């Protein structure tokens, strides 16, 4: 069997119902690409780039993808799955990708966590409960970085709209990012 970077090839039918299945089949390629970087925002930039390389899949899913950030409101968040004794990571924010399924539910694509939950199989709510609260309840906020639909014009809105591609090619600076008040120049 032909493999790419030790990952089996993936088929990509165009039916919308198969988009999530096709992303799950790309799990190996997504995790392989994300290994190049240590920071979550760079990992997600690379994941978007990998998905975008397949034009058929990109056209089918780009309007359903969102770059999201979970930010701590009281110190650090910890990545501490409820079935693990020790936390894996802690910090003030974490960037990840979601895709909306046919019912509108956000499914998480987060190669940082690894394992079976890392690629479009777990709802955002379950992912937060399982991976981010751990033993200690944390206060946090969830925000969408891209696409950002607001526009900055004479009425005070963002213009042009901030798209996934804008996130792909720019650095994410969490210290200046606030919902509805951030745009890459």
N, C-alpha and C. Protein backbone atom coordinates (compact mmCIF):
# COMPACT_ATOMS: atom_id res chain seq x y z
N UNK A 1 0.84 -1.18 0.00
CA UNK A 1 0.00 0.00 0.00
C UNK A 1 0.88 1.25 0.00
N UNK A 2 0.52 2.22 -0.81
CA UNK A 2 1.24 3.49 -0.88
C UNK A 2 0.99 4.29 0.40
N UNK A 3 2.05 4.86 0.96
CA UNK A 3 1.89 5.71 2.14
C UNK A 3 2.61 7.03 1.91
N UNK A 4 2.14 8.06 2.59
CA UNK A 4 2.75 9.39 2.55
C UNK A 4 3.17 9.71 3.97
N UNK A 5 4.49 9.89 4.19
CA UNK A 5 4.99 10.14 5.55
C UNK A 5 4.45 9.12 6.54
N UNK A 6 4.47 7.85 6.15
CA UNK A 6 3.98 6.74 6.98
C UNK A 6 2.48 6.81 7.24
N UNK A 7 1.75 7.57 6.45
CA UNK A 7 0.30 7.70 6.60
C UNK A 7 -0.37 7.10 5.37
N UNK A 8 -1.41 6.30 5.54
CA UNK A 8 -2.10 5.73 4.39
C UNK A 8 -2.82 6.80 3.59
N UNK A 9 -2.97 6.61 2.27
CA UNK A 9 -3.71 7.58 1.47
C UNK A 9 -5.17 7.63 1.87
N UNK A 10 -5.81 8.74 1.56
CA UNK A 10 -7.20 8.96 1.94
C UNK A 10 -8.02 9.26 0.70
N UNK A 11 -9.24 8.73 0.63
CA UNK A 11 -10.14 9.07 -0.47
C UNK A 11 -11.02 10.23 -0.04
N UNK A 12 -11.46 11.05 -1.01
CA UNK A 12 -12.21 12.24 -0.67
C UNK A 12 -13.43 12.40 -1.54
N UNK A 13 -14.52 11.68 -1.25
CA UNK A 13 -15.75 11.96 -1.98
C UNK A 13 -16.26 13.35 -1.64
N UNK A 14 -17.07 13.92 -2.50
CA UNK A 14 -17.48 15.31 -2.32
C UNK A 14 -18.76 15.49 -1.51
N UNK A 15 -19.47 14.44 -1.16
CA UNK A 15 -20.72 14.60 -0.43
C UNK A 15 -20.45 15.25 0.93
N UNK A 16 -21.28 16.23 1.29
CA UNK A 16 -21.10 16.95 2.55
C UNK A 16 -21.12 16.02 3.75
N UNK A 17 -21.95 14.99 3.72
CA UNK A 17 -22.03 14.08 4.86
C UNK A 17 -20.73 13.34 5.12
N UNK A 18 -19.85 13.28 4.13
CA UNK A 18 -18.59 12.56 4.29
C UNK A 18 -17.42 13.46 4.69
N UNK A 19 -17.63 14.76 4.80
CA UNK A 19 -16.54 15.68 5.11
C UNK A 19 -15.89 15.31 6.44
N UNK A 20 -16.68 15.10 7.47
CA UNK A 20 -16.13 14.79 8.80
C UNK A 20 -15.42 13.44 8.76
N UNK A 21 -16.02 12.47 8.09
CA UNK A 21 -15.38 11.16 7.94
C UNK A 21 -14.04 11.30 7.25
N UNK A 22 -13.98 12.13 6.20
CA UNK A 22 -12.73 12.33 5.48
C UNK A 22 -11.68 13.01 6.34
N UNK A 23 -12.09 13.96 7.18
CA UNK A 23 -11.14 14.59 8.09
C UNK A 23 -10.61 13.58 9.10
N UNK A 24 -11.48 12.72 9.61
CA UNK A 24 -11.04 11.70 10.55
C UNK A 24 -10.04 10.75 9.89
N UNK A 25 -10.25 10.46 8.61
CA UNK A 25 -9.31 9.61 7.88
C UNK A 25 -7.96 10.30 7.69
N UNK A 26 -7.93 11.62 7.79
CA UNK A 26 -6.69 12.38 7.67
C UNK A 26 -5.96 12.53 9.00
N UNK A 27 -6.46 11.91 10.05
CA UNK A 27 -5.90 12.07 11.39
C UNK A 27 -4.38 11.88 11.39
N UNK A 28 -3.92 10.85 10.73
CA UNK A 28 -2.48 10.58 10.69
C UNK A 28 -1.71 11.73 10.04
N UNK A 29 -2.20 12.21 8.90
CA UNK A 29 -1.53 13.32 8.22
C UNK A 29 -1.57 14.60 9.05
N UNK A 30 -2.70 14.84 9.72
CA UNK A 30 -2.85 16.03 10.56
C UNK A 30 -1.87 15.98 11.73
N UNK A 31 -1.78 14.84 12.40
CA UNK A 31 -0.87 14.73 13.54
C UNK A 31 0.59 14.79 13.09
N UNK A 32 0.88 14.19 11.94
CA UNK A 32 2.25 14.25 11.39
C UNK A 32 2.65 15.70 11.11
N UNK A 33 1.77 16.46 10.48
CA UNK A 33 2.07 17.86 10.16
C UNK A 33 2.23 18.70 11.43
N UNK A 34 1.40 18.43 12.42
CA UNK A 34 1.43 19.23 13.65
C UNK A 34 2.69 18.98 14.48
N UNK A 35 3.37 17.86 14.25
CA UNK A 35 4.59 17.57 15.01
C UNK A 35 5.73 18.54 14.69
N UNK A 36 5.61 19.29 13.61
CA UNK A 36 6.66 20.22 13.21
C UNK A 36 6.80 21.38 14.19
N UNK A 37 5.76 21.67 14.94
CA UNK A 37 5.74 22.86 15.79
C UNK A 37 5.39 22.49 17.23
N UNK A 38 5.85 23.32 18.17
CA UNK A 38 5.53 23.05 19.57
C UNK A 38 4.39 23.90 20.08
N UNK A 39 4.08 25.03 19.42
CA UNK A 39 3.03 25.91 19.90
C UNK A 39 1.70 25.59 19.23
N UNK A 40 0.62 25.68 20.00
CA UNK A 40 -0.69 25.28 19.50
C UNK A 40 -1.15 26.10 18.30
N UNK A 41 -0.88 27.41 18.28
CA UNK A 41 -1.33 28.22 17.15
C UNK A 41 -0.60 27.84 15.87
N UNK A 42 0.71 27.56 15.96
CA UNK A 42 1.46 27.12 14.78
C UNK A 42 0.99 25.74 14.32
N UNK A 43 0.65 24.87 15.27
CA UNK A 43 0.13 23.55 14.92
C UNK A 43 -1.16 23.69 14.10
N UNK A 44 -2.05 24.56 14.54
CA UNK A 44 -3.33 24.73 13.84
C UNK A 44 -3.11 25.38 12.49
N UNK A 45 -2.17 26.31 12.38
CA UNK A 45 -1.85 26.87 11.07
C UNK A 45 -1.42 25.76 10.11
N UNK A 46 -0.61 24.83 10.59
CA UNK A 46 -0.14 23.73 9.74
C UNK A 46 -1.27 22.77 9.41
N UNK A 47 -2.17 22.51 10.37
CA UNK A 47 -3.32 21.64 10.11
C UNK A 47 -4.19 22.22 9.00
N UNK A 48 -4.47 23.52 9.07
CA UNK A 48 -5.28 24.16 8.03
C UNK A 48 -4.57 24.04 6.68
N UNK A 49 -3.27 24.22 6.68
CA UNK A 49 -2.50 24.10 5.45
C UNK A 49 -2.59 22.69 4.86
N UNK A 50 -2.53 21.67 5.70
CA UNK A 50 -2.65 20.28 5.24
C UNK A 50 -4.03 20.03 4.64
N UNK A 51 -5.06 20.50 5.30
CA UNK A 51 -6.43 20.32 4.78
C UNK A 51 -6.57 21.06 3.46
N UNK A 52 -6.01 22.25 3.38
CA UNK A 52 -6.15 23.08 2.18
C UNK A 52 -5.47 22.47 0.95
N UNK A 53 -4.48 21.62 1.17
CA UNK A 53 -3.78 20.99 0.04
C UNK A 53 -4.69 20.09 -0.79
N UNK A 54 -5.77 19.60 -0.17
CA UNK A 54 -6.74 18.80 -0.92
C UNK A 54 -7.89 19.73 -1.31
N UNK A 55 -7.89 20.17 -2.56
CA UNK A 55 -8.86 21.17 -3.02
C UNK A 55 -10.30 20.73 -2.84
N UNK A 56 -10.59 19.46 -3.11
CA UNK A 56 -11.97 18.97 -3.00
C UNK A 56 -12.43 19.03 -1.54
N UNK A 57 -11.61 18.52 -0.64
CA UNK A 57 -11.96 18.55 0.78
C UNK A 57 -12.03 19.99 1.29
N UNK A 58 -11.08 20.82 0.90
CA UNK A 58 -11.07 22.22 1.33
C UNK A 58 -12.36 22.94 0.94
N UNK A 59 -12.77 22.77 -0.31
CA UNK A 59 -14.00 23.43 -0.78
C UNK A 59 -15.22 22.91 -0.01
N UNK A 60 -15.21 21.65 0.37
CA UNK A 60 -16.35 21.07 1.09
C UNK A 60 -16.40 21.48 2.55
N UNK A 61 -15.24 21.80 3.16
CA UNK A 61 -15.27 22.04 4.61
C UNK A 61 -14.86 23.44 5.04
N UNK A 62 -14.31 24.28 4.18
CA UNK A 62 -13.76 25.56 4.63
C UNK A 62 -14.79 26.46 5.30
N UNK A 63 -16.05 26.40 4.88
CA UNK A 63 -17.08 27.23 5.50
C UNK A 63 -17.56 26.69 6.84
N UNK A 64 -17.14 25.47 7.18
CA UNK A 64 -17.54 24.88 8.46
C UNK A 64 -16.42 24.91 9.49
N UNK A 65 -15.20 25.25 9.07
CA UNK A 65 -14.05 25.28 9.97
C UNK A 65 -13.98 26.61 10.72
N UNK A 66 -13.59 26.53 11.99
CA UNK A 66 -13.36 27.73 12.80
C UNK A 66 -12.10 27.54 13.63
N UNK A 67 -11.29 28.59 13.71
CA UNK A 67 -10.17 28.60 14.64
C UNK A 67 -10.70 29.18 15.94
N UNK A 68 -10.55 28.42 17.02
CA UNK A 68 -11.10 28.82 18.31
C UNK A 68 -9.98 28.93 19.34
N UNK A 69 -10.24 29.68 20.39
CA UNK A 69 -9.28 29.79 21.49
C UNK A 69 -10.03 29.65 22.80
N UNK A 70 -9.47 28.86 23.70
CA UNK A 70 -9.97 28.78 25.08
C UNK A 70 -8.95 29.57 25.90
N UNK A 71 -9.44 30.60 26.62
CA UNK A 71 -8.55 31.48 27.38
C UNK A 71 -8.94 31.45 28.86
N UNK A 72 -7.92 31.40 29.69
CA UNK A 72 -8.14 31.40 31.13
C UNK A 72 -8.56 32.78 31.61
N UNK A 73 -9.47 32.82 32.57
CA UNK A 73 -9.86 34.07 33.21
C UNK A 73 -9.23 34.22 34.59
N UNK A 74 -8.58 33.15 35.06
CA UNK A 74 -7.99 33.19 36.41
C UNK A 74 -6.68 32.40 36.46
N UNK A 75 -5.65 32.95 35.86
CA UNK A 75 -4.36 32.26 35.88
C UNK A 75 -4.19 31.36 34.68
N UNK A 76 -3.82 30.12 34.92
CA UNK A 76 -3.56 29.18 33.84
C UNK A 76 -4.64 28.12 33.73
N UNK A 77 -4.88 27.72 32.48
CA UNK A 77 -5.66 26.52 32.22
C UNK A 77 -4.71 25.34 32.30
N UNK A 78 -5.24 24.17 32.59
CA UNK A 78 -4.38 23.00 32.51
C UNK A 78 -5.03 21.94 31.65
N UNK A 79 -4.22 21.36 30.77
CA UNK A 79 -4.65 20.21 30.00
C UNK A 79 -4.44 19.02 30.91
N UNK A 80 -5.52 18.53 31.50
CA UNK A 80 -5.43 17.49 32.51
C UNK A 80 -6.62 16.56 32.34
N UNK A 81 -6.52 15.62 31.39
CA UNK A 81 -7.64 14.69 31.18
C UNK A 81 -8.04 13.99 32.48
N UNK A 82 -9.33 13.76 32.64
CA UNK A 82 -9.83 13.23 33.91
C UNK A 82 -9.33 11.83 34.21
N UNK A 83 -8.84 11.10 33.19
CA UNK A 83 -8.34 9.76 33.46
C UNK A 83 -6.81 9.71 33.58
N UNK A 84 -6.16 10.86 33.68
CA UNK A 84 -4.71 10.90 33.83
C UNK A 84 -4.33 11.50 35.17
N UNK A 85 -3.29 10.96 35.77
CA UNK A 85 -2.87 11.40 37.09
C UNK A 85 -2.23 12.80 37.06
N UNK A 86 -1.43 13.07 36.03
CA UNK A 86 -0.71 14.34 35.95
C UNK A 86 -1.20 15.17 34.77
N UNK A 87 -1.11 16.49 34.93
CA UNK A 87 -1.47 17.35 33.81
C UNK A 87 -0.40 17.25 32.72
N UNK A 88 -0.81 17.44 31.48
CA UNK A 88 0.13 17.38 30.36
C UNK A 88 0.73 18.75 30.04
N UNK A 89 -0.04 19.81 30.31
CA UNK A 89 0.37 21.16 29.90
C UNK A 89 -0.46 22.16 30.68
N UNK A 90 0.09 23.36 30.89
CA UNK A 90 -0.73 24.45 31.41
C UNK A 90 -0.26 25.76 30.77
N UNK A 91 -1.18 26.70 30.67
CA UNK A 91 -0.89 27.99 30.06
C UNK A 91 -2.12 28.87 30.09
N UNK A 92 -2.00 30.09 29.56
CA UNK A 92 -3.11 31.03 29.62
C UNK A 92 -4.13 30.84 28.51
N UNK A 93 -3.72 30.20 27.41
CA UNK A 93 -4.66 30.01 26.30
C UNK A 93 -4.28 28.77 25.50
N UNK A 94 -5.23 28.29 24.72
CA UNK A 94 -4.97 27.17 23.81
C UNK A 94 -5.79 27.39 22.55
N UNK A 95 -5.15 27.26 21.39
CA UNK A 95 -5.80 27.44 20.10
C UNK A 95 -6.09 26.06 19.51
N UNK A 96 -7.27 25.90 18.94
CA UNK A 96 -7.66 24.63 18.33
C UNK A 96 -8.59 24.92 17.17
N UNK A 97 -8.97 23.88 16.45
CA UNK A 97 -9.82 24.01 15.27
C UNK A 97 -11.11 23.25 15.52
N UNK A 98 -12.22 23.78 15.04
CA UNK A 98 -13.47 23.03 15.09
C UNK A 98 -14.08 22.98 13.70
N UNK A 99 -14.93 21.98 13.50
CA UNK A 99 -15.73 21.89 12.29
C UNK A 99 -17.15 21.61 12.72
N UNK A 100 -18.10 22.26 12.08
CA UNK A 100 -19.50 22.04 12.42
C UNK A 100 -20.03 20.85 11.64
N UNK A 101 -20.71 19.95 12.36
CA UNK A 101 -21.34 18.82 11.68
C UNK A 101 -22.69 19.26 11.13
N UNK A 102 -23.43 18.33 10.54
CA UNK A 102 -24.70 18.68 9.91
C UNK A 102 -25.73 19.25 10.89
N UNK A 103 -25.60 18.90 12.17
CA UNK A 103 -26.55 19.42 13.16
C UNK A 103 -26.11 20.77 13.73
N UNK A 104 -24.91 21.25 13.33
CA UNK A 104 -24.41 22.53 13.83
C UNK A 104 -23.53 22.40 15.06
N UNK A 105 -23.32 21.17 15.53
CA UNK A 105 -22.46 20.94 16.69
C UNK A 105 -21.00 21.10 16.28
N UNK A 106 -20.20 21.75 17.14
CA UNK A 106 -18.78 21.91 16.87
C UNK A 106 -18.03 20.66 17.31
N UNK A 107 -17.29 20.05 16.37
CA UNK A 107 -16.41 18.93 16.67
C UNK A 107 -14.98 19.45 16.66
N UNK A 108 -14.15 18.98 17.59
CA UNK A 108 -12.80 19.52 17.79
C UNK A 108 -11.77 18.76 16.96
N UNK A 109 -10.87 19.53 16.33
CA UNK A 109 -9.68 18.99 15.69
C UNK A 109 -8.51 19.59 16.46
N UNK A 110 -7.85 18.79 17.29
CA UNK A 110 -6.78 19.29 18.14
C UNK A 110 -5.67 18.26 18.24
N UNK A 111 -4.70 18.29 17.32
CA UNK A 111 -3.63 17.29 17.35
C UNK A 111 -2.76 17.39 18.59
N UNK A 112 -2.85 18.48 19.33
CA UNK A 112 -2.05 18.65 20.54
C UNK A 112 -2.37 17.57 21.57
N UNK A 113 -3.65 17.19 21.67
CA UNK A 113 -4.02 16.22 22.70
C UNK A 113 -3.72 14.79 22.28
N UNK A 114 -3.66 14.52 20.97
CA UNK A 114 -3.38 13.17 20.49
C UNK A 114 -4.49 12.20 20.83
N UNK A 115 -4.31 10.96 20.44
CA UNK A 115 -5.28 9.92 20.74
C UNK A 115 -6.54 10.01 19.90
N UNK A 116 -7.52 9.19 20.23
CA UNK A 116 -8.73 9.10 19.40
C UNK A 116 -9.58 10.36 19.39
N UNK A 117 -9.47 11.22 20.38
CA UNK A 117 -10.30 12.43 20.44
C UNK A 117 -9.74 13.60 19.64
N UNK A 118 -8.60 13.42 18.98
CA UNK A 118 -7.90 14.57 18.40
C UNK A 118 -8.41 15.02 17.05
N UNK A 119 -9.31 14.28 16.41
CA UNK A 119 -9.66 14.66 15.04
C UNK A 119 -11.15 14.50 14.74
N UNK A 120 -11.92 15.54 15.00
CA UNK A 120 -13.32 15.66 14.56
C UNK A 120 -14.23 14.54 15.03
N UNK A 121 -14.00 14.06 16.24
CA UNK A 121 -14.86 13.00 16.75
C UNK A 121 -15.58 13.41 18.03
N UNK A 122 -15.05 14.42 18.74
CA UNK A 122 -15.58 14.81 20.04
C UNK A 122 -16.18 16.21 19.97
N UNK A 123 -17.34 16.39 20.59
CA UNK A 123 -17.95 17.72 20.62
C UNK A 123 -17.09 18.65 21.47
N UNK A 124 -17.18 19.95 21.19
CA UNK A 124 -16.40 20.94 21.92
C UNK A 124 -16.72 20.88 23.42
N UNK A 125 -17.98 20.71 23.76
CA UNK A 125 -18.37 20.67 25.18
C UNK A 125 -17.72 19.48 25.89
N UNK A 126 -17.75 18.31 25.26
CA UNK A 126 -17.16 17.11 25.86
C UNK A 126 -15.64 17.26 25.95
N UNK A 127 -15.03 17.83 24.92
CA UNK A 127 -13.59 18.04 24.88
C UNK A 127 -13.15 18.93 26.04
N UNK A 128 -13.91 20.00 26.30
CA UNK A 128 -13.58 20.89 27.41
C UNK A 128 -13.75 20.16 28.74
N UNK A 129 -14.88 19.49 28.93
CA UNK A 129 -15.12 18.78 30.18
C UNK A 129 -14.05 17.73 30.44
N UNK A 130 -13.67 17.00 29.41
CA UNK A 130 -12.75 15.89 29.58
C UNK A 130 -11.30 16.33 29.70
N UNK A 131 -10.89 17.32 28.91
CA UNK A 131 -9.47 17.66 28.85
C UNK A 131 -9.07 18.90 29.61
N UNK A 132 -9.99 19.84 29.84
CA UNK A 132 -9.56 21.13 30.35
C UNK A 132 -9.93 21.42 31.79
N UNK A 133 -10.88 20.75 32.35
CA UNK A 133 -11.24 21.06 33.73
C UNK A 133 -10.45 20.22 34.72
N UNK A 134 -10.19 18.96 34.36
CA UNK A 134 -9.43 18.10 35.25
C UNK A 134 -10.02 18.07 36.64
N UNK A 135 -9.16 18.11 37.66
CA UNK A 135 -9.62 18.06 39.05
C UNK A 135 -10.08 19.42 39.56
N UNK A 136 -9.60 20.49 38.94
CA UNK A 136 -9.91 21.83 39.43
C UNK A 136 -10.74 22.57 38.40
N UNK A 137 -11.83 23.15 38.84
CA UNK A 137 -12.68 23.96 37.95
C UNK A 137 -11.94 25.24 37.59
N UNK A 138 -11.90 25.56 36.32
CA UNK A 138 -11.23 26.78 35.85
C UNK A 138 -12.26 27.68 35.20
N UNK A 139 -12.10 28.98 35.39
CA UNK A 139 -12.93 29.94 34.66
C UNK A 139 -12.24 30.24 33.34
N UNK A 140 -13.00 30.19 32.25
CA UNK A 140 -12.41 30.41 30.93
C UNK A 140 -13.44 31.03 30.02
N UNK A 141 -12.96 31.54 28.90
CA UNK A 141 -13.84 32.04 27.85
C UNK A 141 -13.47 31.34 26.55
N UNK A 142 -14.46 31.18 25.68
CA UNK A 142 -14.24 30.59 24.36
C UNK A 142 -14.50 31.66 23.33
N UNK A 143 -13.60 31.81 22.37
CA UNK A 143 -13.76 32.82 21.34
C UNK A 143 -13.38 32.24 19.98
N UNK A 144 -14.01 32.75 18.94
CA UNK A 144 -13.66 32.38 17.58
C UNK A 144 -12.68 33.41 17.04
N UNK A 145 -11.52 32.94 16.58
CA UNK A 145 -10.52 33.83 15.99
C UNK A 145 -10.83 34.03 14.51
N UNK A 146 -11.07 32.93 13.82
CA UNK A 146 -11.32 33.01 12.37
C UNK A 146 -12.28 31.91 11.97
N UNK A 147 -13.20 32.14 11.06
CA UNK A 147 -13.39 33.44 10.42
C UNK A 147 -14.09 34.42 11.35
N UNK A 148 -13.74 35.67 11.24
CA UNK A 148 -14.37 36.72 12.02
C UNK A 148 -15.27 37.50 11.07
N UNK A 149 -16.56 37.48 11.32
CA UNK A 149 -17.50 38.05 10.35
C UNK A 149 -17.65 39.56 10.46
N UNK A 150 -17.27 40.13 11.61
CA UNK A 150 -17.39 41.58 11.75
C UNK A 150 -16.43 42.30 10.81
N UNK A 151 -16.75 43.54 10.47
CA UNK A 151 -15.92 44.34 9.56
C UNK A 151 -15.63 45.69 10.20
N UNK A 152 -14.51 46.29 9.85
CA UNK A 152 -14.15 47.61 10.38
C UNK A 152 -14.33 48.64 9.28
N UNK A 153 -15.43 49.34 9.29
CA UNK A 153 -15.68 50.38 8.30
C UNK A 153 -16.12 51.64 9.03
N UNK A 154 -16.78 52.55 8.37
CA UNK A 154 -17.19 53.80 9.01
C UNK A 154 -18.19 53.57 10.15
N UNK A 155 -18.83 52.41 10.15
CA UNK A 155 -19.75 52.08 11.24
C UNK A 155 -19.03 51.38 12.40
N UNK A 156 -17.69 51.22 12.30
CA UNK A 156 -16.94 50.59 13.38
C UNK A 156 -16.88 49.08 13.28
N UNK A 157 -17.15 48.52 12.11
CA UNK A 157 -17.09 47.08 11.93
C UNK A 157 -15.80 46.69 11.23
N UNK A 158 -15.41 45.40 11.35
CA UNK A 158 -14.21 44.91 10.66
C UNK A 158 -14.41 44.88 9.16
N UNK A 159 -13.37 45.29 8.42
CA UNK A 159 -13.36 45.15 6.98
C UNK A 159 -11.91 45.11 6.52
N UNK A 160 -11.46 44.17 5.72
CA UNK A 160 -12.25 43.06 5.19
C UNK A 160 -12.46 41.99 6.25
N UNK A 161 -13.31 41.01 5.99
CA UNK A 161 -13.52 39.96 6.98
C UNK A 161 -12.24 39.18 7.22
N UNK A 162 -12.05 38.73 8.44
CA UNK A 162 -10.87 37.96 8.82
C UNK A 162 -11.16 36.49 8.54
N UNK A 163 -10.40 35.89 7.63
CA UNK A 163 -10.67 34.54 7.15
C UNK A 163 -9.66 33.53 7.68
N UNK A 164 -9.93 32.25 7.45
CA UNK A 164 -9.00 31.20 7.87
C UNK A 164 -7.61 31.42 7.28
N UNK A 165 -7.54 31.84 6.02
CA UNK A 165 -6.25 32.06 5.39
C UNK A 165 -5.47 33.17 6.10
N UNK A 166 -6.15 34.18 6.62
CA UNK A 166 -5.48 35.24 7.37
C UNK A 166 -4.80 34.68 8.61
N UNK A 167 -5.47 33.75 9.28
CA UNK A 167 -4.87 33.11 10.45
C UNK A 167 -3.68 32.25 10.04
N UNK A 168 -3.80 31.56 8.90
CA UNK A 168 -2.73 30.66 8.46
C UNK A 168 -1.40 31.36 8.29
N UNK A 169 -1.42 32.60 7.82
CA UNK A 169 -0.18 33.26 7.42
C UNK A 169 0.25 34.38 8.36
N UNK A 170 -0.31 34.46 9.55
CA UNK A 170 0.02 35.51 10.50
C UNK A 170 0.24 34.92 11.89
N UNK A 171 0.99 35.62 12.71
CA UNK A 171 1.22 35.18 14.08
C UNK A 171 0.02 35.52 14.95
N UNK A 172 -0.26 34.65 15.91
CA UNK A 172 -1.33 34.89 16.87
C UNK A 172 -0.71 35.46 18.13
N UNK A 173 -1.15 36.63 18.55
CA UNK A 173 -0.60 37.28 19.73
C UNK A 173 -1.68 37.37 20.81
N UNK A 174 -1.73 36.39 21.72
CA UNK A 174 -2.84 36.34 22.68
C UNK A 174 -2.88 37.53 23.62
N UNK A 175 -1.74 38.17 23.87
CA UNK A 175 -1.75 39.31 24.79
C UNK A 175 -2.49 40.52 24.22
N UNK A 176 -2.64 40.60 22.89
CA UNK A 176 -3.40 41.71 22.34
C UNK A 176 -4.74 41.27 21.76
N UNK A 177 -4.99 39.95 21.77
CA UNK A 177 -6.24 39.47 21.19
C UNK A 177 -7.37 39.59 22.20
N UNK A 178 -8.43 40.23 21.80
CA UNK A 178 -9.68 40.21 22.55
C UNK A 178 -10.78 40.03 21.53
N UNK A 179 -11.82 39.34 21.92
CA UNK A 179 -12.91 39.10 20.99
C UNK A 179 -13.42 40.42 20.43
N UNK A 180 -13.61 40.46 19.10
CA UNK A 180 -14.13 41.63 18.39
C UNK A 180 -13.18 42.83 18.45
N UNK A 181 -11.93 42.63 18.82
CA UNK A 181 -11.01 43.77 18.88
C UNK A 181 -9.62 43.39 18.37
N UNK A 182 -9.55 42.42 17.48
CA UNK A 182 -8.25 41.95 17.00
C UNK A 182 -8.30 41.72 15.51
N UNK A 183 -7.30 42.20 14.83
CA UNK A 183 -7.21 41.96 13.39
C UNK A 183 -5.75 42.04 12.99
N UNK A 184 -5.30 41.13 12.13
CA UNK A 184 -3.92 41.17 11.66
C UNK A 184 -3.77 42.26 10.62
N UNK A 185 -2.81 43.14 10.78
CA UNK A 185 -2.55 44.22 9.82
C UNK A 185 -1.50 43.75 8.84
